C-alpha atoms as a PDB file:
ATOM      1  CA  MET A   1      23.634 -21.508 131.039  1.00  0.00           C
ATOM      2  CA  PRO A   2      26.652 -22.736 129.008  1.00  0.00           C
ATOM      3  CA  ARG A   3      26.070 -23.580 125.366  1.00  0.00           C
ATOM      4  CA  ILE A   4      26.332 -27.311 124.675  1.00  0.00           C
ATOM      5  CA  SER A   5      27.517 -28.491 121.256  1.00  0.00           C
ATOM      6  CA  PRO A   6      25.364 -30.880 119.220  1.00  0.00           C
ATOM      7  CA  LEU A   7      25.591 -34.460 120.505  1.00  0.00           C
ATOM      8  CA  VAL A   8      27.159 -35.638 117.246  1.00  0.00           C
ATOM      9  CA  TRP A   9      30.355 -33.868 118.325  1.00  0.00           C
ATOM     10  CA  TYR A  10      30.624 -35.948 121.496  1.00  0.00           C
ATOM     11  CA  GLY A  11      32.013 -38.951 119.611  1.00  0.00           C
ATOM     12  CA  VAL A  12      34.468 -36.798 117.699  1.00  0.00           C
ATOM     13  CA  LEU A  13      35.729 -35.112 120.854  1.00  0.00           C
ATOM     14  CA  TRP A  14      35.948 -38.457 122.679  1.00  0.00           C
ATOM     15  CA  ALA A  15      37.973 -40.050 119.858  1.00  0.00           C
ATOM     16  CA  LEU A  16      40.362 -37.094 119.777  1.00  0.00           C
ATOM     17  CA  GLU A  17      40.706 -37.042 123.548  1.00  0.00           C
ATOM     18  CA  ARG A  18      41.659 -40.733 123.592  1.00  0.00           C
ATOM     19  CA  ALA A  19      44.088 -40.493 120.658  1.00  0.00           C
ATOM     20  CA  PRO A  20      47.844 -40.160 121.177  1.00  0.00           C
ATOM     21  CA  ASP A  21      48.695 -36.485 121.650  1.00  0.00           C
ATOM     22  CA  HIS A  22      44.940 -35.783 121.401  1.00  0.00           C
ATOM     23  CA  ARG A  23      45.141 -35.661 117.601  1.00  0.00           C
ATOM     24  CA  LEU A  24      44.101 -37.746 114.595  1.00  0.00           C
ATOM     25  CA  ARG A  25      45.147 -37.461 110.976  1.00  0.00           C
ATOM     26  CA  THR A  26      42.325 -36.377 108.688  1.00  0.00           C
ATOM     27  CA  ARG A  27      41.707 -37.518 105.142  1.00  0.00           C
ATOM     28  CA  ALA A  28      42.208 -33.969 103.923  1.00  0.00           C
ATOM     29  CA  LYS A  29      45.672 -32.889 102.837  1.00  0.00           C
ATOM     30  CA  ALA A  30      47.143 -29.545 103.782  1.00  0.00           C
ATOM     31  CA  ASP A  31      49.291 -27.622 101.317  1.00  0.00           C
ATOM     32  CA  CYS A  32      52.423 -28.714 103.137  1.00  0.00           C
ATOM     33  CA  GLY A  33      51.537 -32.291 104.149  1.00  0.00           C
ATOM     34  CA  ASP A  34      49.117 -34.202 106.325  1.00  0.00           C
ATOM     35  CA  ALA A  35      46.338 -32.429 108.183  1.00  0.00           C
ATOM     36  CA  TYR A  36      45.419 -33.277 111.761  1.00  0.00           C
ATOM     37  CA  ALA A  37      42.389 -32.684 113.935  1.00  0.00           C
ATOM     38  CA  VAL A  38      43.480 -31.772 117.454  1.00  0.00           C
ATOM     39  CA  VAL A  39      41.424 -31.403 120.599  1.00  0.00           C
ATOM     40  CA  LYS A  40      42.546 -28.668 122.952  1.00  0.00           C
ATOM     41  CA  ARG A  41      41.629 -28.055 126.579  1.00  0.00           C
ATOM     42  CA  LYS A  42      38.440 -26.202 125.602  1.00  0.00           C
ATOM     43  CA  GLY A  43      37.276 -29.220 123.560  1.00  0.00           C
ATOM     44  CA  ARG A  44      38.015 -31.625 126.406  1.00  0.00           C
ATOM     45  CA  ASP A  45      36.103 -29.372 128.790  1.00  0.00           C
ATOM     46  CA  MET A  46      33.162 -29.241 126.374  1.00  0.00           C
ATOM     47  CA  ARG A  47      33.068 -33.036 126.105  1.00  0.00           C
ATOM     48  CA  ARG A  48      32.945 -33.318 129.885  1.00  0.00           C
ATOM     49  CA  LYS A  49      30.028 -30.849 129.980  1.00  0.00           C
ATOM     50  CA  MET A  50      28.266 -32.837 127.260  1.00  0.00           C
ATOM     51  CA  ARG A  51      28.640 -36.175 129.083  1.00  0.00           C
ATOM     52  CA  PRO A  52      25.423 -35.991 131.188  1.00  0.00           C
ATOM     53  CA  VAL A  53      23.349 -34.925 128.163  1.00  0.00           C
ATOM     54  CA  TYR A  54      24.907 -37.623 125.958  1.00  0.00           C
ATOM     55  CA  SER A  55      24.413 -40.288 128.643  1.00  0.00           C
ATOM     56  CA  ALA A  56      20.768 -39.324 129.083  1.00  0.00           C
ATOM     57  CA  ALA A  57      20.191 -39.533 125.316  1.00  0.00           C
ATOM     58  CA  ILE A  58      21.772 -43.015 125.171  1.00  0.00           C
ATOM     59  CA  LYS A  59      19.577 -44.123 128.055  1.00  0.00           C
ATOM     60  CA  ASP A  60      16.409 -42.699 126.484  1.00  0.00           C
ATOM     61  CA  LEU A  61      17.128 -44.128 123.024  1.00  0.00           C
ATOM     62  CA  PHE A  62      18.633 -47.525 123.883  1.00  0.00           C
ATOM     63  CA  VAL A  63      19.055 -48.574 127.496  1.00  0.00           C
ATOM     64  CA  ASP A  64      15.385 -48.212 128.406  1.00  0.00           C
ATOM     65  CA  TYR A  65      14.462 -50.712 125.659  1.00  0.00           C
ATOM     66  CA  ILE A  66      16.806 -53.623 126.371  1.00  0.00           C
ATOM     67  CA  ASP A  67      17.050 -56.032 129.275  1.00  0.00           C
ATOM     68  CA  ASN A  68      20.233 -57.282 130.968  1.00  0.00           C
ATOM     69  CA  ASN A  69      20.493 -60.382 128.768  1.00  0.00           C
ATOM     70  CA  GLU A  70      20.215 -58.315 125.590  1.00  0.00           C
ATOM     71  CA  ALA A  71      22.759 -55.850 126.960  1.00  0.00           C
ATOM     72  CA  SER A  72      25.188 -58.723 127.572  1.00  0.00           C
ATOM     73  CA  VAL A  73      24.789 -59.960 123.999  1.00  0.00           C
ATOM     74  CA  ILE A  74      25.298 -56.465 122.578  1.00  0.00           C
ATOM     75  CA  ALA A  75      28.375 -55.943 124.780  1.00  0.00           C
ATOM     76  CA  ALA A  76      29.877 -59.260 123.643  1.00  0.00           C
ATOM     77  CA  VAL A  77      29.315 -58.468 119.979  1.00  0.00           C
ATOM     78  CA  LEU A  78      30.752 -54.962 120.280  1.00  0.00           C
ATOM     79  CA  GLN A  79      33.778 -56.323 122.170  1.00  0.00           C
ATOM     80  CA  ARG A  80      34.386 -58.837 119.371  1.00  0.00           C
ATOM     81  CA  VAL A  81      34.212 -56.045 116.786  1.00  0.00           C
ATOM     82  CA  LEU A  82      36.581 -53.885 118.838  1.00  0.00           C
ATOM     83  CA  ASN A  83      39.060 -56.740 119.207  1.00  0.00           C
ATOM     84  CA  ALA A  84      38.975 -57.385 115.450  1.00  0.00           C
ATOM     85  CA  ALA A  85      39.567 -53.694 114.734  1.00  0.00           C
ATOM     86  CA  ARG A  86      42.637 -53.718 116.989  1.00  0.00           C
ATOM     87  CA  GLU A  87      44.241 -56.676 115.186  1.00  0.00           C
END
């Protein structure tokens, strides 16, 4: 059975996978300039393997406890936050 990374890494891998060139600048500075976190093929493959486990955890922790109306409200609020972050 393949080893699955802790679920906390799913969000990190997903953010890197969606970023331009699959990399994001970190707050840390390297000796010769900016430092970047980069996701390689192995990281993208790991995130894909993690997806079913991550989805099941989201369902168990959140989805099972909200109805469709509550889900719509949450989706609207999160969309508003996302739109504000993009401005």
